[in-house]
Amino acid sequence: MSHPGGGGWEETSPERLYVITGGRSTSSAPVGLDLVTLVVAKSQPKPGMPPEHTAIMGLCQAPLSVAEVSAYTNLPFSVVTVLIGDLLAENRMIARAPVPAAKLPDRALIEAVIHGLQKL
């Protein structure tokens, strides 16, 4: 989309990204978000929300990683973390780290259980 004045207003132009985040490089929430942090919306988007917040909340009706949200919205990771941080600060979303590998059951144990069940 172009604006009067001749300059382009590309979807990923620095100007647009600056406007989306209000010029911030960090969110208002004290939560550290990384690529694999899972986020989920607590409700449907509300009328009057900024379009990017609406899009993120619409996508996150089921848990998604921050990397997936970035890919689906075609916004840089840094911008998505600011927007998700805002939604977390407004208590509109929940974030959690994925289950660490150390807390997952041992593969050999699972295979032994499956083998035992197959013998029944």
N, C-alpha and C. Protein backbone atom coordinates (compact mmCIF):
# COMPACT_ATOMS: atom_id res chain seq x y z
N MET A 1 0.84 -1.16 0.00
CA MET A 1 0.00 0.00 0.00
C MET A 1 0.90 1.23 0.00
N SER A 2 0.58 2.22 -0.82
CA SER A 2 1.36 3.45 -0.88
C SER A 2 0.60 4.56 -0.20
N HIS A 3 1.34 5.50 0.33
CA HIS A 3 0.70 6.66 0.92
C HIS A 3 1.03 7.88 0.09
N PRO A 4 0.21 8.93 0.18
CA PRO A 4 0.49 10.12 -0.60
C PRO A 4 1.86 10.66 -0.22
N GLY A 5 2.59 11.10 -1.15
CA GLY A 5 3.92 11.61 -0.88
C GLY A 5 4.97 10.79 -1.60
N GLY A 6 4.54 9.73 -2.23
CA GLY A 6 5.41 8.97 -3.09
C GLY A 6 6.14 7.82 -2.43
N GLY A 7 6.43 7.86 -1.13
CA GLY A 7 7.16 6.78 -0.49
C GLY A 7 6.29 5.55 -0.32
N GLY A 8 6.87 4.37 -0.42
CA GLY A 8 6.11 3.14 -0.25
C GLY A 8 5.93 2.81 1.23
N TRP A 9 4.83 2.22 1.56
CA TRP A 9 4.54 1.79 2.94
C TRP A 9 4.45 0.28 2.87
N GLU A 10 5.60 -0.35 2.70
CA GLU A 10 5.67 -1.79 2.56
C GLU A 10 5.25 -2.48 3.84
N GLU A 11 4.78 -3.72 3.71
CA GLU A 11 4.33 -4.49 4.88
C GLU A 11 5.42 -4.62 5.94
N THR A 12 6.67 -4.72 5.52
CA THR A 12 7.75 -4.89 6.50
C THR A 12 8.69 -3.69 6.50
N SER A 13 8.21 -2.54 6.07
CA SER A 13 9.07 -1.36 6.07
C SER A 13 9.42 -0.98 7.51
N PRO A 14 10.61 -0.43 7.71
CA PRO A 14 10.99 -0.02 9.07
C PRO A 14 10.00 0.97 9.68
N GLU A 15 9.43 1.82 8.84
CA GLU A 15 8.47 2.80 9.35
C GLU A 15 7.23 2.12 9.91
N ARG A 16 6.72 1.14 9.15
CA ARG A 16 5.52 0.42 9.60
C ARG A 16 5.80 -0.34 10.90
N LEU A 17 6.95 -1.01 10.95
CA LEU A 17 7.30 -1.77 12.14
C LEU A 17 7.47 -0.85 13.34
N TYR A 18 8.01 0.33 13.11
CA TYR A 18 8.17 1.33 14.18
C TYR A 18 6.80 1.75 14.72
N VAL A 19 5.86 1.97 13.81
CA VAL A 19 4.51 2.38 14.21
C VAL A 19 3.82 1.26 14.98
N ILE A 20 3.95 0.03 14.50
CA ILE A 20 3.30 -1.12 15.14
C ILE A 20 3.74 -1.25 16.59
N THR A 21 5.03 -1.07 16.85
CA THR A 21 5.55 -1.26 18.21
C THR A 21 5.59 0.03 19.01
N GLY A 22 5.19 1.13 18.41
CA GLY A 22 5.27 2.40 19.11
C GLY A 22 6.71 2.81 19.36
N GLY A 23 7.63 2.33 18.53
CA GLY A 23 9.03 2.66 18.66
C GLY A 23 9.76 1.88 19.74
N ARG A 24 9.09 0.92 20.36
CA ARG A 24 9.70 0.14 21.45
C ARG A 24 10.43 -1.07 20.89
N SER A 25 11.49 -1.45 21.58
CA SER A 25 12.21 -2.67 21.20
C SER A 25 12.01 -3.76 22.24
N THR A 26 11.36 -3.42 23.35
CA THR A 26 11.03 -4.41 24.37
C THR A 26 9.57 -4.23 24.75
N SER A 27 8.98 -5.29 25.27
CA SER A 27 7.58 -5.23 25.65
C SER A 27 7.42 -4.69 27.06
N SER A 28 6.17 -4.45 27.41
CA SER A 28 5.87 -3.95 28.75
C SER A 28 5.77 -5.08 29.77
N ALA A 29 5.79 -6.33 29.29
CA ALA A 29 5.72 -7.48 30.20
C ALA A 29 7.13 -7.94 30.56
N PRO A 30 7.36 -8.30 31.82
CA PRO A 30 8.70 -8.74 32.23
C PRO A 30 8.97 -10.20 31.89
N VAL A 31 8.34 -10.73 30.85
CA VAL A 31 8.47 -12.14 30.49
C VAL A 31 9.50 -12.27 29.38
N GLY A 32 10.44 -13.18 29.55
CA GLY A 32 11.41 -13.44 28.49
C GLY A 32 10.81 -14.39 27.47
N LEU A 33 10.66 -13.94 26.25
CA LEU A 33 10.12 -14.77 25.19
C LEU A 33 11.24 -15.19 24.26
N ASP A 34 11.25 -16.48 23.91
CA ASP A 34 12.21 -16.92 22.90
C ASP A 34 11.43 -17.62 21.79
N LEU A 35 12.14 -18.16 20.83
CA LEU A 35 11.49 -18.75 19.66
C LEU A 35 10.54 -19.90 19.99
N VAL A 36 10.86 -20.67 21.03
CA VAL A 36 10.06 -21.86 21.33
C VAL A 36 9.06 -21.66 22.47
N THR A 37 8.98 -20.45 23.01
CA THR A 37 7.98 -20.18 24.03
C THR A 37 6.60 -20.36 23.42
N LEU A 38 5.73 -21.09 24.11
CA LEU A 38 4.37 -21.31 23.62
C LEU A 38 3.45 -20.24 24.19
N VAL A 39 2.59 -19.71 23.33
CA VAL A 39 1.63 -18.69 23.75
C VAL A 39 0.24 -19.11 23.31
N VAL A 40 -0.75 -18.75 24.13
CA VAL A 40 -2.14 -19.05 23.80
C VAL A 40 -3.01 -17.90 24.29
N ALA A 41 -4.00 -17.55 23.50
CA ALA A 41 -4.93 -16.48 23.86
C ALA A 41 -5.90 -16.97 24.93
N LYS A 42 -6.24 -16.07 25.85
CA LYS A 42 -7.20 -16.42 26.90
C LYS A 42 -8.63 -16.18 26.45
N SER A 43 -8.82 -15.46 25.34
CA SER A 43 -10.16 -15.16 24.83
C SER A 43 -10.06 -14.81 23.36
N GLN A 44 -11.17 -14.48 22.78
CA GLN A 44 -11.21 -14.00 21.40
C GLN A 44 -10.74 -12.55 21.36
N PRO A 45 -10.25 -12.07 20.21
CA PRO A 45 -9.88 -10.66 20.11
C PRO A 45 -11.10 -9.76 20.37
N LYS A 46 -10.84 -8.59 20.93
CA LYS A 46 -11.90 -7.63 21.24
C LYS A 46 -11.98 -6.58 20.13
N PRO A 47 -13.17 -6.09 19.83
CA PRO A 47 -13.30 -5.01 18.83
C PRO A 47 -12.48 -3.79 19.28
N GLY A 48 -11.86 -3.15 18.32
CA GLY A 48 -11.07 -1.96 18.61
C GLY A 48 -9.62 -2.22 18.90
N MET A 49 -9.22 -3.49 18.99
CA MET A 49 -7.81 -3.81 19.21
C MET A 49 -7.02 -3.48 17.94
N PRO A 50 -5.73 -3.15 18.08
CA PRO A 50 -4.91 -2.96 16.88
C PRO A 50 -4.94 -4.23 16.02
N PRO A 51 -4.88 -4.07 14.70
CA PRO A 51 -5.00 -5.25 13.81
C PRO A 51 -3.95 -6.33 14.07
N GLU A 52 -2.75 -5.94 14.44
CA GLU A 52 -1.72 -6.95 14.70
C GLU A 52 -2.04 -7.75 15.96
N HIS A 53 -2.54 -7.09 17.00
CA HIS A 53 -2.96 -7.80 18.22
C HIS A 53 -4.13 -8.74 17.89
N THR A 54 -5.07 -8.26 17.09
CA THR A 54 -6.21 -9.08 16.69
C THR A 54 -5.72 -10.32 15.94
N ALA A 55 -4.78 -10.14 15.02
CA ALA A 55 -4.26 -11.27 14.25
C ALA A 55 -3.56 -12.28 15.15
N ILE A 56 -2.75 -11.80 16.07
CA ILE A 56 -2.03 -12.71 16.97
C ILE A 56 -3.01 -13.47 17.86
N MET A 57 -3.98 -12.78 18.42
CA MET A 57 -4.95 -13.47 19.28
C MET A 57 -5.78 -14.47 18.49
N GLY A 58 -6.11 -14.14 17.25
CA GLY A 58 -6.86 -15.07 16.40
C GLY A 58 -6.06 -16.32 16.10
N LEU A 59 -4.77 -16.16 15.84
CA LEU A 59 -3.90 -17.31 15.57
C LEU A 59 -3.71 -18.18 16.79
N CYS A 60 -3.67 -17.56 17.96
CA CYS A 60 -3.28 -18.26 19.19
C CYS A 60 -4.46 -18.79 19.98
N GLN A 61 -5.52 -19.18 19.31
CA GLN A 61 -6.62 -19.83 20.02
C GLN A 61 -6.18 -21.22 20.48
N ALA A 62 -5.20 -21.78 19.81
CA ALA A 62 -4.51 -23.00 20.24
C ALA A 62 -3.05 -22.60 20.44
N PRO A 63 -2.32 -23.28 21.32
CA PRO A 63 -0.93 -22.88 21.58
C PRO A 63 -0.06 -22.88 20.32
N LEU A 64 0.72 -21.83 20.17
CA LEU A 64 1.69 -21.71 19.10
C LEU A 64 3.00 -21.20 19.68
N SER A 65 4.10 -21.54 19.04
CA SER A 65 5.38 -20.98 19.47
C SER A 65 5.48 -19.54 18.94
N VAL A 66 6.32 -18.76 19.58
CA VAL A 66 6.52 -17.38 19.14
C VAL A 66 7.08 -17.38 17.71
N ALA A 67 7.91 -18.36 17.37
CA ALA A 67 8.44 -18.46 16.00
C ALA A 67 7.31 -18.67 14.99
N GLU A 68 6.33 -19.52 15.34
CA GLU A 68 5.20 -19.75 14.44
C GLU A 68 4.36 -18.49 14.27
N VAL A 69 4.14 -17.77 15.36
CA VAL A 69 3.37 -16.51 15.28
C VAL A 69 4.10 -15.54 14.36
N SER A 70 5.42 -15.45 14.49
CA SER A 70 6.21 -14.57 13.64
C SER A 70 6.06 -14.97 12.17
N ALA A 71 6.11 -16.25 11.89
CA ALA A 71 5.99 -16.73 10.51
C ALA A 71 4.60 -16.48 9.95
N TYR A 72 3.56 -16.80 10.71
CA TYR A 72 2.19 -16.63 10.23
C TYR A 72 1.81 -15.17 10.03
N THR A 73 2.33 -14.28 10.85
CA THR A 73 1.99 -12.86 10.72
C THR A 73 2.92 -12.12 9.77
N ASN A 74 4.00 -12.79 9.36
CA ASN A 74 5.01 -12.19 8.49
C ASN A 74 5.62 -10.94 9.13
N LEU A 75 5.78 -11.00 10.45
CA LEU A 75 6.41 -9.92 11.20
C LEU A 75 7.71 -10.45 11.81
N PRO A 76 8.73 -9.59 11.92
CA PRO A 76 9.98 -10.03 12.54
C PRO A 76 9.77 -10.49 13.98
N PHE A 77 10.61 -11.41 14.41
CA PHE A 77 10.54 -11.95 15.77
C PHE A 77 10.56 -10.83 16.80
N SER A 78 11.42 -9.84 16.61
CA SER A 78 11.53 -8.74 17.59
C SER A 78 10.23 -7.97 17.72
N VAL A 79 9.51 -7.78 16.64
CA VAL A 79 8.23 -7.07 16.68
C VAL A 79 7.18 -7.95 17.35
N VAL A 80 7.16 -9.23 17.01
CA VAL A 80 6.19 -10.15 17.59
C VAL A 80 6.38 -10.25 19.11
N THR A 81 7.61 -10.25 19.58
CA THR A 81 7.82 -10.35 21.03
C THR A 81 7.29 -9.11 21.74
N VAL A 82 7.41 -7.94 21.12
CA VAL A 82 6.85 -6.72 21.72
C VAL A 82 5.33 -6.82 21.79
N LEU A 83 4.71 -7.25 20.69
CA LEU A 83 3.25 -7.33 20.64
C LEU A 83 2.71 -8.40 21.59
N ILE A 84 3.34 -9.56 21.62
CA ILE A 84 2.90 -10.61 22.54
C ILE A 84 3.13 -10.16 23.98
N GLY A 85 4.23 -9.49 24.24
CA GLY A 85 4.49 -8.95 25.58
C GLY A 85 3.40 -8.00 26.02
N ASP A 86 2.92 -7.17 25.10
CA ASP A 86 1.81 -6.27 25.42
C ASP A 86 0.55 -7.06 25.79
N LEU A 87 0.26 -8.10 25.00
CA LEU A 87 -0.92 -8.92 25.27
C LEU A 87 -0.79 -9.67 26.59
N LEU A 88 0.43 -10.10 26.92
CA LEU A 88 0.66 -10.75 28.21
C LEU A 88 0.46 -9.76 29.36
N ALA A 89 0.95 -8.53 29.18
CA ALA A 89 0.80 -7.50 30.21
C ALA A 89 -0.67 -7.14 30.43
N GLU A 90 -1.47 -7.23 29.37
CA GLU A 90 -2.90 -6.96 29.46
C GLU A 90 -3.69 -8.18 29.92
N ASN A 91 -2.99 -9.27 30.23
CA ASN A 91 -3.59 -10.52 30.68
C ASN A 91 -4.54 -11.12 29.64
N ARG A 92 -4.20 -10.94 28.38
CA ARG A 92 -5.00 -11.49 27.28
C ARG A 92 -4.41 -12.80 26.75
N MET A 93 -3.17 -13.10 27.15
CA MET A 93 -2.50 -14.31 26.69
C MET A 93 -1.76 -14.97 27.85
N ILE A 94 -1.42 -16.23 27.63
CA ILE A 94 -0.61 -17.00 28.58
C ILE A 94 0.61 -17.49 27.80
N ALA A 95 1.77 -17.44 28.44
CA ALA A 95 3.00 -17.94 27.82
C ALA A 95 3.62 -18.98 28.74
N ARG A 96 4.21 -20.00 28.13
CA ARG A 96 4.94 -20.98 28.92
C ARG A 96 6.05 -21.57 28.06
N ALA A 97 7.13 -21.90 28.73
CA ALA A 97 8.24 -22.54 28.03
C ALA A 97 7.83 -23.97 27.69
N PRO A 98 8.34 -24.51 26.60
CA PRO A 98 8.02 -25.91 26.29
C PRO A 98 8.62 -26.83 27.36
N VAL A 99 8.10 -28.03 27.44
CA VAL A 99 8.58 -29.00 28.43
C VAL A 99 10.04 -29.32 28.12
N PRO A 100 10.93 -29.13 29.08
CA PRO A 100 12.34 -29.47 28.84
C PRO A 100 12.50 -30.96 28.58
N ALA A 101 13.47 -31.29 27.76
CA ALA A 101 13.71 -32.69 27.40
C ALA A 101 13.95 -33.56 28.62
N ALA A 102 14.56 -33.02 29.66
CA ALA A 102 14.87 -33.80 30.87
C ALA A 102 13.59 -34.25 31.58
N LYS A 103 12.48 -33.56 31.38
CA LYS A 103 11.24 -33.92 32.07
C LYS A 103 10.38 -34.87 31.25
N LEU A 104 10.78 -35.13 30.02
CA LEU A 104 10.03 -36.07 29.20
C LEU A 104 10.42 -37.49 29.59
N PRO A 105 9.49 -38.44 29.45
CA PRO A 105 9.83 -39.83 29.79
C PRO A 105 10.95 -40.35 28.89
N ASP A 106 11.71 -41.28 29.43
CA ASP A 106 12.81 -41.89 28.69
C ASP A 106 12.25 -42.71 27.53
N ARG A 107 12.82 -42.55 26.36
CA ARG A 107 12.35 -43.26 25.16
C ARG A 107 12.41 -44.78 25.35
N ALA A 108 13.47 -45.28 25.98
CA ALA A 108 13.62 -46.72 26.19
C ALA A 108 12.48 -47.25 27.07
N LEU A 109 12.08 -46.46 28.08
CA LEU A 109 10.98 -46.86 28.95
C LEU A 109 9.67 -46.94 28.17
N ILE A 110 9.43 -45.95 27.33
CA ILE A 110 8.21 -45.96 26.52
C ILE A 110 8.19 -47.15 25.58
N GLU A 111 9.32 -47.44 24.96
CA GLU A 111 9.39 -48.60 24.05
C GLU A 111 9.18 -49.90 24.81
N ALA A 112 9.69 -50.01 26.02
CA ALA A 112 9.51 -51.21 26.83
C ALA A 112 8.04 -51.37 27.21
N VAL A 113 7.36 -50.29 27.52
CA VAL A 113 5.93 -50.35 27.84
C VAL A 113 5.13 -50.78 26.62
N ILE A 114 5.44 -50.20 25.47
CA ILE A 114 4.74 -50.57 24.24
C ILE A 114 4.97 -52.05 23.92
N HIS A 115 6.20 -52.50 24.06
CA HIS A 115 6.52 -53.90 23.80
C HIS A 115 5.76 -54.82 24.76
N GLY A 116 5.70 -54.43 26.02
CA GLY A 116 4.95 -55.22 27.01
C GLY A 116 3.46 -55.25 26.69
N LEU A 117 2.90 -54.13 26.26
CA LEU A 117 1.48 -54.10 25.92
C LEU A 117 1.19 -54.96 24.69
N GLN A 118 2.10 -54.98 23.74
CA GLN A 118 1.92 -55.79 22.54
C GLN A 118 1.92 -57.28 22.86
N LYS A 119 2.61 -57.69 23.92
CA LYS A 119 2.66 -59.10 24.32
C LYS A 119 1.36 -59.55 24.97
N LEU A 120 0.55 -58.62 25.44
CA LEU A 120 -0.70 -59.00 26.12
C LEU A 120 -1.69 -59.62 25.19
